[in-house]
PDB file of N, CA and C in Angstrom:
ATOM      1  N   UNK A   1     -79.067  18.027  44.172  1.00  0.00           N
ATOM      2  CA  UNK A   1     -79.213  18.726  43.473  1.00  0.00           C
ATOM      3  C   UNK A   1     -80.074  19.696  43.007  1.00  0.00           C
ATOM      4  N   UNK A   2     -79.392  20.974  42.322  1.00  0.00           N
ATOM      5  CA  UNK A   2     -80.222  21.953  42.588  1.00  0.00           C
ATOM      6  C   UNK A   2     -80.500  22.833  40.756  1.00  0.00           C
ATOM      7  N   UNK A   3     -81.324  23.010  40.774  1.00  0.00           N
ATOM      8  CA  UNK A   3     -82.026  23.561  39.863  1.00  0.00           C
ATOM      9  C   UNK A   3     -82.510  24.795  39.135  1.00  0.00           C
ATOM     10  N   UNK A   4     -82.072  25.918  38.688  1.00  0.00           N
ATOM     11  CA  UNK A   4     -83.118  27.346  38.955  1.00  0.00           C
ATOM     12  C   UNK A   4     -82.921  27.873  37.282  1.00  0.00           C
ATOM     13  N   UNK A   5     -84.528  28.363  37.618  1.00  0.00           N
ATOM     14  CA  UNK A   5     -84.987  29.476  36.242  1.00  0.00           C
ATOM     15  C   UNK A   5     -84.723  30.516  36.371  1.00  0.00           C
ATOM     16  N   UNK A   6     -84.709  31.304  35.652  1.00  0.00           N
ATOM     17  CA  UNK A   6     -85.732  33.017  35.727  1.00  0.00           C
ATOM     18  C   UNK A   6     -86.158  32.862  34.756  1.00  0.00           C
ATOM     19  N   UNK A   7     -87.564  33.478  34.751  1.00  0.00           N
ATOM     20  CA  UNK A   7     -88.751  33.830  33.965  1.00  0.00           C
ATOM     21  C   UNK A   7     -89.163  34.954  34.443  1.00  0.00           C
ATOM     22  N   UNK A   8     -89.798  36.338  33.182  1.00  0.00           N
ATOM     23  CA  UNK A   8     -90.069  37.330  33.399  1.00  0.00           C
ATOM     24  C   UNK A   8     -90.962  37.636  32.869  1.00  0.00           C
ATOM     25  N   UNK A   9     -92.648  38.010  33.075  1.00  0.00           N
ATOM     26  CA  UNK A   9     -93.763  38.517  33.313  1.00  0.00           C
ATOM     27  C   UNK A   9     -94.061  39.626  32.903  1.00  0.00           C
ATOM     28  N   UNK A  10     -95.012  39.768  32.453  1.00  0.00           N
ATOM     29  CA  UNK A  10     -95.424  40.874  31.630  1.00  0.00           C
ATOM     30  C   UNK A  10     -96.272  41.581  32.273  1.00  0.00           C
ATOM     31  N   UNK A  11     -96.015  41.079  33.958  1.00  0.00           N
ATOM     32  CA  UNK A  11     -97.541  41.337  35.086  1.00  0.00           C
ATOM     33  C   UNK A  11     -96.903  42.094  36.442  1.00  0.00           C
ATOM     34  N   UNK A  12     -97.990  42.333  37.439  1.00  0.00           N
ATOM     35  CA  UNK A  12     -97.285  42.721  38.885  1.00  0.00           C
ATOM     36  C   UNK A  12     -97.050  41.694  39.150  1.00  0.00           C
ATOM     37  N   UNK A  13     -96.172  41.547  40.032  1.00  0.00           N
ATOM     38  CA  UNK A  13     -96.196  40.719  41.068  1.00  0.00           C
ATOM     39  C   UNK A  13     -97.246  40.228  41.585  1.00  0.00           C
ATOM     40  N   UNK A  14     -98.339  41.074  42.355  1.00  0.00           N
ATOM     41  CA  UNK A  14     -99.724  40.344  42.607  1.00  0.00           C
ATOM     42  C   UNK A  14    -100.450  39.504  41.993  1.00  0.00           C
ATOM     43  N   UNK A  15    -100.793  39.792  40.244  1.00  0.00           N
ATOM     44  CA  UNK A  15    -101.112  38.927  39.651  1.00  0.00           C
ATOM     45  C   UNK A  15    -100.311  37.438  39.045  1.00  0.00           C
ATOM     46  N   UNK A  16     -98.235  37.913  39.483  1.00  0.00           N
ATOM     47  CA  UNK A  16     -97.815  36.585  38.967  1.00  0.00           C
ATOM     48  C   UNK A  16     -98.555  35.423  40.389  1.00  0.00           C
ATOM     49  N   UNK A  17     -98.623  36.338  41.877  1.00  0.00           N
ATOM     50  CA  UNK A  17     -98.576  35.251  43.478  1.00  0.00           C
ATOM     51  C   UNK A  17     -99.944  34.913  42.952  1.00  0.00           C
ATOM     52  N   UNK A  18    -101.244  35.258  42.567  1.00  0.00           N
ATOM     53  CA  UNK A  18    -102.216  34.571  42.096  1.00  0.00           C
ATOM     54  C   UNK A  18    -102.005  33.554  40.906  1.00  0.00           C
ATOM     55  N   UNK A  19    -101.459  33.668  40.343  1.00  0.00           N
ATOM     56  CA  UNK A  19    -100.949  32.203  39.629  1.00  0.00           C
ATOM     57  C   UNK A  19    -100.581  31.193  40.117  1.00  0.00           C
ATOM     58  N   UNK A  20     -99.440  31.507  40.960  1.00  0.00           N
ATOM     59  CA  UNK A  20     -98.867  30.338  41.638  1.00  0.00           C
ATOM     60  C   UNK A  20     -99.676  29.691  42.740  1.00  0.00           C
ATOM     61  N   UNK A  21    -100.592  30.619  43.153  1.00  0.00           N
ATOM     62  CA  UNK A  21    -101.213  30.716  44.211  1.00  0.00           C
ATOM     63  C   UNK A  21    -103.552  30.326  44.739  1.00  0.00           C
ATOM     64  N   UNK A  22    -103.161  30.459  43.215  1.00  0.00           N
ATOM     65  CA  UNK A  22    -104.975  30.014  43.360  1.00  0.00           C
ATOM     66  C   UNK A  22    -104.590  28.958  42.629  1.00  0.00           C
ATOM     67  N   UNK A  23    -106.145  27.974  43.218  1.00  0.00           N
ATOM     68  CA  UNK A  23    -106.011  26.687  42.240  1.00  0.00           C
ATOM     69  C   UNK A  23    -106.515  26.691  41.364  1.00  0.00           C
ATOM     70  N   UNK A  24    -107.208  27.366  41.059  1.00  0.00           N
ATOM     71  CA  UNK A  24    -108.120  27.248  39.644  1.00  0.00           C
ATOM     72  C   UNK A  24    -107.158  27.909  38.962  1.00  0.00           C
ATOM     73  N   UNK A  25    -106.315  29.046  39.071  1.00  0.00           N
ATOM     74  CA  UNK A  25    -105.085  29.258  37.497  1.00  0.00           C
ATOM     75  C   UNK A  25    -103.917  28.063  37.775  1.00  0.00           C
ATOM     76  N   UNK A  26    -104.252  27.581  38.974  1.00  0.00           N
ATOM     77  CA  UNK A  26    -102.351  26.686  38.677  1.00  0.00           C
ATOM     78  C   UNK A  26    -103.320  25.255  37.942  1.00  0.00           C
ATOM     79  N   UNK A  27    -104.536  25.490  37.643  1.00  0.00           N
ATOM     80  CA  UNK A  27    -104.713  23.852  36.520  1.00  0.00           C
ATOM     81  C   UNK A  27    -105.447  24.504  35.078  1.00  0.00           C
ATOM     82  N   UNK A  28    -104.846  25.638  35.430  1.00  0.00           N
ATOM     83  CA  UNK A  28    -104.678  25.972  33.976  1.00  0.00           C
ATOM     84  C   UNK A  28    -103.563  25.547  33.547  1.00  0.00           C
ATOM     85  N   UNK A  29    -102.146  25.494  33.959  1.00  0.00           N
ATOM     86  CA  UNK A  29    -100.829  25.948  33.436  1.00  0.00           C
ATOM     87  C   UNK A  29    -100.733  24.778  33.861  1.00  0.00           C
ATOM     88  N   UNK A  30    -100.489  24.167  35.326  1.00  0.00           N
ATOM     89  CA  UNK A  30     -99.990  23.184  36.407  1.00  0.00           C
ATOM     90  C   UNK A  30     -99.871  21.611  36.313  1.00  0.00           C
ATOM     91  N   UNK A  31    -101.692  21.495  37.268  1.00  0.00           N
ATOM     92  CA  UNK A  31    -101.876  20.352  37.842  1.00  0.00           C
ATOM     93  C   UNK A  31    -103.516  20.536  37.117  1.00  0.00           C
ATOM     94  N   UNK A  32    -103.574  18.980  36.484  1.00  0.00           N
ATOM     95  CA  UNK A  32    -105.117  19.011  36.806  1.00  0.00           C
ATOM     96  C   UNK A  32    -106.119  19.185  37.367  1.00  0.00           C
ATOM     97  N   UNK A  33    -106.087  18.936  38.539  1.00  0.00           N
ATOM     98  CA  UNK A  33    -106.903  19.430  40.244  1.00  0.00           C
ATOM     99  C   UNK A  33    -105.855  19.436  41.333  1.00  0.00           C
ATOM    100  N   UNK A  34    -106.252  20.535  41.847  1.00  0.00           N
ATOM    101  CA  UNK A  34    -105.494  21.472  42.605  1.00  0.00           C
ATOM    102  C   UNK A  34    -105.880  21.999  43.913  1.00  0.00           C
ATOM    103  N   UNK A  35    -105.597  21.103  44.829  1.00  0.00           N
ATOM    104  CA  UNK A  35    -105.719  21.845  46.308  1.00  0.00           C
ATOM    105  C   UNK A  35    -105.292  22.695  47.133  1.00  0.00           C
ATOM    106  N   UNK A  36    -104.825  24.053  47.072  1.00  0.00           N
ATOM    107  CA  UNK A  36    -103.767  24.348  47.812  1.00  0.00           C
ATOM    108  C   UNK A  36    -104.001  25.594  49.220  1.00  0.00           C
ATOM    109  N   UNK A  37    -103.883  25.376  50.463  1.00  0.00           N
ATOM    110  CA  UNK A  37    -103.316  26.207  51.106  1.00  0.00           C
ATOM    111  C   UNK A  37    -102.114  27.409  51.505  1.00  0.00           C
ATOM    112  N   UNK A  38    -102.182  28.324  50.362  1.00  0.00           N
ATOM    113  CA  UNK A  38    -101.229  29.174  50.129  1.00  0.00           C
ATOM    114  C   UNK A  38    -100.494  30.082  51.628  1.00  0.00           C
ATOM    115  N   UNK A  39    -100.950  29.159  52.650  1.00  0.00           N
ATOM    116  CA  UNK A  39    -100.473  29.985  54.377  1.00  0.00           C
ATOM    117  C   UNK A  39     -99.352  28.820  54.833  1.00  0.00           C
ATOM    118  N   UNK A  40     -98.326  29.765  55.468  1.00  0.00           N
ATOM    119  CA  UNK A  40     -96.976  28.540  56.262  1.00  0.00           C
ATOM    120  C   UNK A  40     -97.773  28.057  56.555  1.00  0.00           C
ATOM    121  N   UNK A  41     -97.421  26.437  57.087  1.00  0.00           N
ATOM    122  CA  UNK A  41     -98.007  25.186  57.087  1.00  0.00           C
ATOM    123  C   UNK A  41     -99.138  24.553  56.256  1.00  0.00           C
ATOM    124  N   UNK A  42     -99.441  25.577  55.249  1.00  0.00           N
ATOM    125  CA  UNK A  42    -100.781  25.320  54.672  1.00  0.00           C
ATOM    126  C   UNK A  42    -100.027  23.917  53.943  1.00  0.00           C
ATOM    127  N   UNK A  43    -101.304  23.141  53.406  1.00  0.00           N
ATOM    128  CA  UNK A  43    -100.944  21.875  52.353  1.00  0.00           C
ATOM    129  C   UNK A  43    -101.332  21.929  51.404  1.00  0.00           C
ATOM    130  N   UNK A  44    -100.586  21.311  50.400  1.00  0.00           N
ATOM    131  CA  UNK A  44    -101.372  21.126  48.738  1.00  0.00           C
ATOM    132  C   UNK A  44    -101.128  19.359  47.993  1.00  0.00           C
ATOM    133  N   UNK A  45    -102.235  19.519  47.193  1.00  0.00           N
ATOM    134  CA  UNK A  45    -102.520  18.413  46.603  1.00  0.00           C
ATOM    135  C   UNK A  45    -102.416  18.892  45.387  1.00  0.00           C
ATOM    136  N   UNK A  46    -101.693  17.749  43.874  1.00  0.00           N
ATOM    137  CA  UNK A  46    -101.477  18.448  42.629  1.00  0.00           C
ATOM    138  C   UNK A  46    -101.505  16.975  42.225  1.00  0.00           C
ATOM    139  N   UNK A  47    -103.289  16.475  41.478  1.00  0.00           N
ATOM    140  CA  UNK A  47    -103.392  15.485  41.077  1.00  0.00           C
ATOM    141  C   UNK A  47    -103.001  16.055  38.716  1.00  0.00           C
ATOM    142  N   UNK A  48    -102.896  14.757  38.490  1.00  0.00           N
ATOM    143  CA  UNK A  48    -102.692  15.080  36.972  1.00  0.00           C
ATOM    144  C   UNK A  48    -103.780  13.997  36.471  1.00  0.00           C
ATOM    145  N   UNK A  49    -104.063  13.683  35.332  1.00  0.00           N
ATOM    146  CA  UNK A  49    -104.523  13.003  34.437  1.00  0.00           C
ATOM    147  C   UNK A  49    -104.703  11.473  34.600  1.00  0.00           C
ATOM    148  N   UNK A  50    -103.099  11.496  34.639  1.00  0.00           N
ATOM    149  CA  UNK A  50    -102.114  10.094  34.446  1.00  0.00           C
ATOM    150  C   UNK A  50    -102.477   9.640  35.242  1.00  0.00           C
ATOM    151  N   UNK A  51    -102.917   9.771  36.577  1.00  0.00           N
ATOM    152  CA  UNK A  51    -102.946   9.135  37.841  1.00  0.00           C
ATOM    153  C   UNK A  51    -101.942   9.812  39.056  1.00  0.00           C
ATOM    154  N   UNK A  52    -101.106  10.214  38.423  1.00  0.00           N
ATOM    155  CA  UNK A  52    -100.056  10.938  39.034  1.00  0.00           C
ATOM    156  C   UNK A  52    -100.516  11.930  40.219  1.00  0.00           C
ATOM    157  N   UNK A  53     -99.786  11.832  41.819  1.00  0.00           N
ATOM    158  CA  UNK A  53    -100.421  12.849  42.290  1.00  0.00           C
ATOM    159  C   UNK A  53     -99.587  12.817  43.079  1.00  0.00           C
ATOM    160  N   UNK A  54     -98.571  14.453  43.730  1.00  0.00           N
ATOM    161  CA  UNK A  54     -98.168  14.934  44.453  1.00  0.00           C
ATOM    162  C   UNK A  54     -98.433  15.450  45.633  1.00  0.00           C
ATOM    163  N   UNK A  55     -97.675  15.869  46.808  1.00  0.00           N
ATOM    164  CA  UNK A  55     -98.490  16.540  48.298  1.00  0.00           C
ATOM    165  C   UNK A  55     -97.517  17.628  48.258  1.00  0.00           C
ATOM    166  N   UNK A  56     -97.696  18.305  48.486  1.00  0.00           N
ATOM    167  CA  UNK A  56     -97.127  19.552  49.303  1.00  0.00           C
ATOM    168  C   UNK A  56     -96.676  20.003  50.452  1.00  0.00           C
ATOM    169  N   UNK A  57     -95.993  21.027  51.753  1.00  0.00           N
ATOM    170  CA  UNK A  57     -96.593  21.991  52.736  1.00  0.00           C
ATOM    171  C   UNK A  57     -95.642  22.773  52.160  1.00  0.00           C
ATOM    172  N   UNK A  58     -96.393  23.798  52.220  1.00  0.00           N
ATOM    173  CA  UNK A  58     -95.684  25.256  52.797  1.00  0.00           C
ATOM    174  C   UNK A  58     -95.162  25.883  53.479  1.00  0.00           C
ATOM    175  N   UNK A  59     -93.740  25.672  53.019  1.00  0.00           N
ATOM    176  CA  UNK A  59     -92.929  26.244  54.163  1.00  0.00           C
ATOM    177  C   UNK A  59     -92.227  28.007  54.378  1.00  0.00           C
ATOM    178  N   UNK A  60     -93.043  28.443  53.547  1.00  0.00           N
ATOM    179  CA  UNK A  60     -92.845  30.264  53.387  1.00  0.00           C
ATOM    180  C   UNK A  60     -93.954  30.480  52.632  1.00  0.00           C
ATOM    181  N   UNK A  61     -94.269  31.575  52.913  1.00  0.00           N
ATOM    182  CA  UNK A  61     -95.260  32.581  52.085  1.00  0.00           C
ATOM    183  C   UNK A  61     -95.458  33.838  52.103  1.00  0.00           C
ATOM    184  N   UNK A  62     -94.741  34.858  51.218  1.00  0.00           N
ATOM    185  CA  UNK A  62     -94.973  36.376  51.611  1.00  0.00           C
ATOM    186  C   UNK A  62     -95.564  36.087  50.856  1.00  0.00           C
ATOM    187  N   UNK A  63     -97.014  36.744  50.481  1.00  0.00           N
ATOM    188  CA  UNK A  63     -97.378  37.466  49.607  1.00  0.00           C
ATOM    189  C   UNK A  63     -97.150  38.503  47.653  1.00  0.00           C
ATOM    190  N   UNK A  64     -96.589  38.217  47.574  1.00  0.00           N
ATOM    191  CA  UNK A  64     -96.340  38.936  46.293  1.00  0.00           C
ATOM    192  C   UNK A  64     -94.822  38.515  45.929  1.00  0.00           C
ATOM    193  N   UNK A  65     -94.021  38.054  47.219  1.00  0.00           N
ATOM    194  CA  UNK A  65     -93.018  37.954  47.313  1.00  0.00           C
ATOM    195  C   UNK A  65     -91.833  36.392  47.432  1.00  0.00           C
ATOM    196  N   UNK A  66     -92.416  35.437  47.890  1.00  0.00           N
ATOM    197  CA  UNK A  66     -92.261  34.792  47.845  1.00  0.00           C
ATOM    198  C   UNK A  66     -93.040  33.070  48.745  1.00  0.00           C
ATOM    199  N   UNK A  67     -92.550  32.382  47.968  1.00  0.00           N
ATOM    200  CA  UNK A  67     -93.356  31.022  48.174  1.00  0.00           C
ATOM    201  C   UNK A  67     -92.059  29.981  47.802  1.00  0.00           C
ATOM    202  N   UNK A  68     -92.785  28.757  49.499  1.00  0.00           N
ATOM    203  CA  UNK A  68     -91.373  27.798  49.498  1.00  0.00           C
ATOM    204  C   UNK A  68     -92.460  26.811  49.683  1.00  0.00           C
ATOM    205  N   UNK A  69     -91.951  25.786  48.515  1.00  0.00           N
ATOM    206  CA  UNK A  69     -93.108  24.017  49.209  1.00  0.00           C
ATOM    207  C   UNK A  69     -92.152  23.145  49.488  1.00  0.00           C
ATOM    208  N   UNK A  70     -92.684  22.125  50.278  1.00  0.00           N
ATOM    209  CA  UNK A  70     -91.429  21.208  50.428  1.00  0.00           C
ATOM    210  C   UNK A  70     -92.601  19.979  49.582  1.00  0.00           C
ATOM    211  N   UNK A  71     -91.888  19.141  49.029  1.00  0.00           N
ATOM    212  CA  UNK A  71     -93.112  18.413  48.473  1.00  0.00           C
ATOM    213  C   UNK A  71     -92.784  17.475  48.900  1.00  0.00           C
ATOM    214  N   UNK A  72     -92.956  17.196  49.895  1.00  0.00           N
ATOM    215  CA  UNK A  72     -93.576  15.163  51.084  1.00  0.00           C
ATOM    216  C   UNK A  72     -92.044  14.471  50.920  1.00  0.00           C
ATOM    217  N   UNK A  73     -90.527  14.856  51.386  1.00  0.00           N
ATOM    218  CA  UNK A  73     -89.030  14.539  51.172  1.00  0.00           C
ATOM    219  C   UNK A  73     -89.115  14.033  49.970  1.00  0.00           C
ATOM    220  N   UNK A  74     -89.534  14.811  48.763  1.00  0.00           N
ATOM    221  CA  UNK A  74     -88.945  14.948  47.245  1.00  0.00           C
ATOM    222  C   UNK A  74     -88.607  16.183  47.255  1.00  0.00           C
ATOM    223  N   UNK A  75     -87.870  16.212  47.824  1.00  0.00           N
ATOM    224  CA  UNK A  75     -87.344  18.373  47.487  1.00  0.00           C
ATOM    225  C   UNK A  75     -88.145  19.089  47.833  1.00  0.00           C
ATOM    226  N   UNK A  76     -87.449  20.773  47.788  1.00  0.00           N
ATOM    227  CA  UNK A  76     -88.385  21.918  47.524  1.00  0.00           C
ATOM    228  C   UNK A  76     -88.047  22.997  46.427  1.00  0.00           C
ATOM    229  N   UNK A  77     -89.284  23.679  46.365  1.00  0.00           N
ATOM    230  CA  UNK A  77     -89.464  24.553  45.424  1.00  0.00           C
ATOM    231  C   UNK A  77     -89.828  26.349  45.901  1.00  0.00           C
ATOM    232  N   UNK A  78     -88.415  26.755  45.870  1.00  0.00           N
ATOM    233  CA  UNK A  78     -88.946  28.670  45.732  1.00  0.00           C
ATOM    234  C   UNK A  78     -88.776  29.356  44.976  1.00  0.00           C
ATOM    235  N   UNK A  79     -90.229  30.039  45.346  1.00  0.00           N
ATOM    236  CA  UNK A  79     -90.295  30.994  43.970  1.00  0.00           C
ATOM    237  C   UNK A  79     -90.466  32.085  44.565  1.00  0.00           C
ATOM    238  N   UNK A  80     -89.165  33.074  43.817  1.00  0.00           N
ATOM    239  CA  UNK A  80     -89.161  34.573  44.368  1.00  0.00           C
ATOM    240  C   UNK A  80     -89.555  35.470  43.272  1.00  0.00           C
ATOM    241  N   UNK A  81     -90.357  36.602  43.845  1.00  0.00           N
ATOM    242  CA  UNK A  81     -90.646  37.224  42.910  1.00  0.00           C
ATOM    243  C   UNK A  81     -90.480  38.569  43.300  1.00  0.00           C
ATOM    244  N   UNK A  82     -89.990  39.246  42.305  1.00  0.00           N
ATOM    245  CA  UNK A  82     -89.170  40.656  42.374  1.00  0.00           C
ATOM    246  C   UNK A  82     -89.671  41.617  41.154  1.00  0.00           C
ATOM    247  N   UNK A  83     -90.224  42.962  41.764  1.00  0.00           N
ATOM    248  CA  UNK A  83     -90.720  44.327  40.454  1.00  0.00           C
ATOM    249  C   UNK A  83     -89.897  44.258  39.536  1.00  0.00           C
ATOM    250  N   UNK A  84     -89.768  44.354  38.534  1.00  0.00           N
ATOM    251  CA  UNK A  84     -88.825  44.915  37.766  1.00  0.00           C
ATOM    252  C   UNK A  84     -88.913  45.663  36.736  1.00  0.00           C
ATOM    253  N   UNK A  85     -88.258  46.625  35.487  1.00  0.00           N
ATOM    254  CA  UNK A  85     -89.281  47.452  34.556  1.00  0.00           C
ATOM    255  C   UNK A  85     -90.051  46.507  33.722  1.00  0.00           C
ATOM    256  N   UNK A  86     -89.651  45.696  33.397  1.00  0.00           N
ATOM    257  CA  UNK A  86     -90.402  44.578  32.493  1.00  0.00           C
ATOM    258  C   UNK A  86     -92.419  44.301  33.191  1.00  0.00           C
ATOM    259  N   UNK A  87     -92.069  44.310  34.334  1.00  0.00           N
ATOM    260  CA  UNK A  87     -92.971  43.397  34.843  1.00  0.00           C
ATOM    261  C   UNK A  87     -92.444  42.409  35.912  1.00  0.00           C
ATOM    262  N   UNK A  88     -92.818  41.345  36.492  1.00  0.00           N
ATOM    263  CA  UNK A  88     -92.410  40.350  37.602  1.00  0.00           C
ATOM    264  C   UNK A  88     -91.605  39.792  36.811  1.00  0.00           C
ATOM    265  N   UNK A  89     -90.329  39.786  37.678  1.00  0.00           N
ATOM    266  CA  UNK A  89     -89.255  38.570  37.630  1.00  0.00           C
ATOM    267  C   UNK A  89     -89.858  37.258  38.737  1.00  0.00           C
ATOM    268  N   UNK A  90     -89.614  36.101  38.486  1.00  0.00           N
ATOM    269  CA  UNK A  90     -89.731  34.449  39.270  1.00  0.00           C
ATOM    270  C   UNK A  90     -88.457  33.986  39.268  1.00  0.00           C
ATOM    271  N   UNK A  91     -88.047  33.600  39.959  1.00  0.00           N
ATOM    272  CA  UNK A  91     -86.503  32.835  40.147  1.00  0.00           C
ATOM    273  C   UNK A  91     -87.230  31.578  40.797  1.00  0.00           C
ATOM    274  N   UNK A  92     -87.363  30.556  40.023  1.00  0.00           N
ATOM    275  CA  UNK A  92     -87.445  29.089  40.712  1.00  0.00           C
ATOM    276  C   UNK A  92     -86.256  28.221  41.499  1.00  0.00           C
ATOM    277  N   UNK A  93     -86.910  28.243  42.182  1.00  0.00           N
ATOM    278  CA  UNK A  93     -85.413  27.928  42.436  1.00  0.00           C
ATOM    279  C   UNK A  93     -85.793  25.904  43.253  1.00  0.00           C
ATOM    280  N   UNK A  94     -85.298  24.537  42.145  1.00  0.00           N
ATOM    281  CA  UNK A  94     -85.748  23.558  42.819  1.00  0.00           C
ATOM    282  C   UNK A  94     -84.039  22.456  43.622  1.00  0.00           C
ATOM    283  N   UNK A  95     -84.970  22.044  44.671  1.00  0.00           N
ATOM    284  CA  UNK A  95     -84.052  21.272  45.050  1.00  0.00           C
ATOM    285  C   UNK A  95     -84.904  20.076  45.108  1.00  0.00           C
ATOM    286  N   UNK A  96     -83.898  18.727  44.870  1.00  0.00           N
ATOM    287  CA  UNK A  96     -83.743  17.339  45.254  1.00  0.00           C
ATOM    288  C   UNK A  96     -82.829  16.610  46.050  1.00  0.00           C
ATOM    289  N   UNK A  97     -83.618  16.428  47.410  1.00  0.00           N
ATOM    290  CA  UNK A  97     -82.182  15.767  48.029  1.00  0.00           C
ATOM    291  C   UNK A  97     -81.566  14.453  47.880  1.00  0.00           C
ATOM    292  N   UNK A  98     -82.529  13.295  46.471  1.00  0.00           N
ATOM    293  CA  UNK A  98     -81.930  12.445  46.164  1.00  0.00           C
ATOM    294  C   UNK A  98     -80.726  12.499  45.209  1.00  0.00           C
ATOM    295  N   UNK A  99     -81.370  13.021  44.353  1.00  0.00           N
ATOM    296  CA  UNK A  99     -80.421  12.885  43.592  1.00  0.00           C
ATOM    297  C   UNK A  99     -79.106  14.095  43.854  1.00  0.00           C
ATOM    298  N   UNK A 100     -79.469  15.212  45.118  1.00  0.00           N
ATOM    299  CA  UNK A 100     -78.380  15.256  45.418  1.00  0.00           C
ATOM    300  C   UNK A 100     -76.982  14.041  46.458  1.00  0.00           C
ATOM    301  N   UNK A 101     -78.140  13.230  46.929  1.00  0.00           N
ATOM    302  CA  UNK A 101     -77.329  12.197  47.600  1.00  0.00           C
ATOM    303  C   UNK A 101     -76.705  11.291  46.409  1.00  0.00           C
ATOM    304  N   UNK A 102     -77.334  11.042  46.002  1.00  0.00           N
ATOM    305  CA  UNK A 102     -76.741   9.804  44.431  1.00  0.00           C
ATOM    306  C   UNK A 102     -75.330  10.563  43.594  1.00  0.00           C
ATOM    307  N   UNK A 103     -75.639  11.969  43.643  1.00  0.00           N
ATOM    308  CA  UNK A 103     -74.494  12.375  43.652  1.00  0.00           C
ATOM    309  C   UNK A 103     -73.049  12.415  43.929  1.00  0.00           C
ATOM    310  N   UNK A 104     -73.727  12.818  45.184  1.00  0.00           N
ATOM    311  CA  UNK A 104     -72.680  12.794  46.190  1.00  0.00           C
ATOM    312  C   UNK A 104     -71.995  11.377  46.500  1.00  0.00           C
ATOM    313  N   UNK A 105     -72.277  10.584  46.463  1.00  0.00           N
ATOM    314  CA  UNK A 105     -72.283   9.341  47.074  1.00  0.00           C
ATOM    315  C   UNK A 105     -70.626   8.905  45.343  1.00  0.00           C
ATOM    316  N   UNK A 106     -71.758   9.005  44.149  1.00  0.00           N
ATOM    317  CA  UNK A 106     -71.572   9.332  42.895  1.00  0.00           C
ATOM    318  C   UNK A 106     -69.901   9.653  42.945  1.00  0.00           C
ATOM    319  N   UNK A 107     -69.569  10.481  43.508  1.00  0.00           N
ATOM    320  CA  UNK A 107     -68.877  11.837  43.558  1.00  0.00           C
ATOM    321  C   UNK A 107     -67.586  10.812  44.183  1.00  0.00           C
ATOM    322  N   UNK A 108     -67.728  10.812  45.846  1.00  0.00           N
ATOM    323  CA  UNK A 108     -66.865  10.006  46.287  1.00  0.00           C
ATOM    324  C   UNK A 108     -66.424   8.250  45.970  1.00  0.00           C
ATOM    325  N   UNK A 109     -67.496   8.011  44.763  1.00  0.00           N
ATOM    326  CA  UNK A 109     -66.903   6.231  44.717  1.00  0.00           C
ATOM    327  C   UNK A 109     -65.759   6.629  43.876  1.00  0.00           C
ATOM    328  N   UNK A 110     -66.040   7.854  43.232  1.00  0.00           N
ATOM    329  CA  UNK A 110     -64.475   8.022  41.556  1.00  0.00           C
ATOM    330  C   UNK A 110     -63.880   8.794  42.559  1.00  0.00           C
ATOM    331  N   UNK A 111     -63.395   9.170  43.370  1.00  0.00           N
ATOM    332  CA  UNK A 111     -62.614  10.481  44.324  1.00  0.00           C
ATOM    333  C   UNK A 111     -61.566   9.275  45.105  1.00  0.00           C
ATOM    334  N   UNK A 112     -61.598   7.568  45.658  1.00  0.00           N
ATOM    335  CA  UNK A 112     -61.423   6.283  45.898  1.00  0.00           C
ATOM    336  C   UNK A 112     -61.060   5.615  44.803  1.00  0.00           C
ATOM    337  N   UNK A 113     -61.395   5.792  43.855  1.00  0.00           N
ATOM    338  CA  UNK A 113     -60.978   4.991  42.787  1.00  0.00           C
ATOM    339  C   UNK A 113     -59.832   4.946  42.571  1.00  0.00           C
TER     340      UNK A 113
END
């Protein structure tokens, strides 16, 4: 399954990149405790106060342009930044293989029913 969202921020691509990759800034809006090495091959650990923890590997990192994270077999998130007149357009594309496989199996079962 793939979910895509688009958001325009009244900030420069560099400022948006910092908000997406700086652990201190991520702790302000995403997770309660963040460790992230925002380079290709780098790793990230995101923890929430409820005990949830997610781990990610940086697949692609082009500062100010694109960041792709692989969530330990739970899918990927692609963050693409584009400078626009209003500031920066952020395109977020999340792919989750478990849901995609489940939907494909469901579609196959309905097609053969």
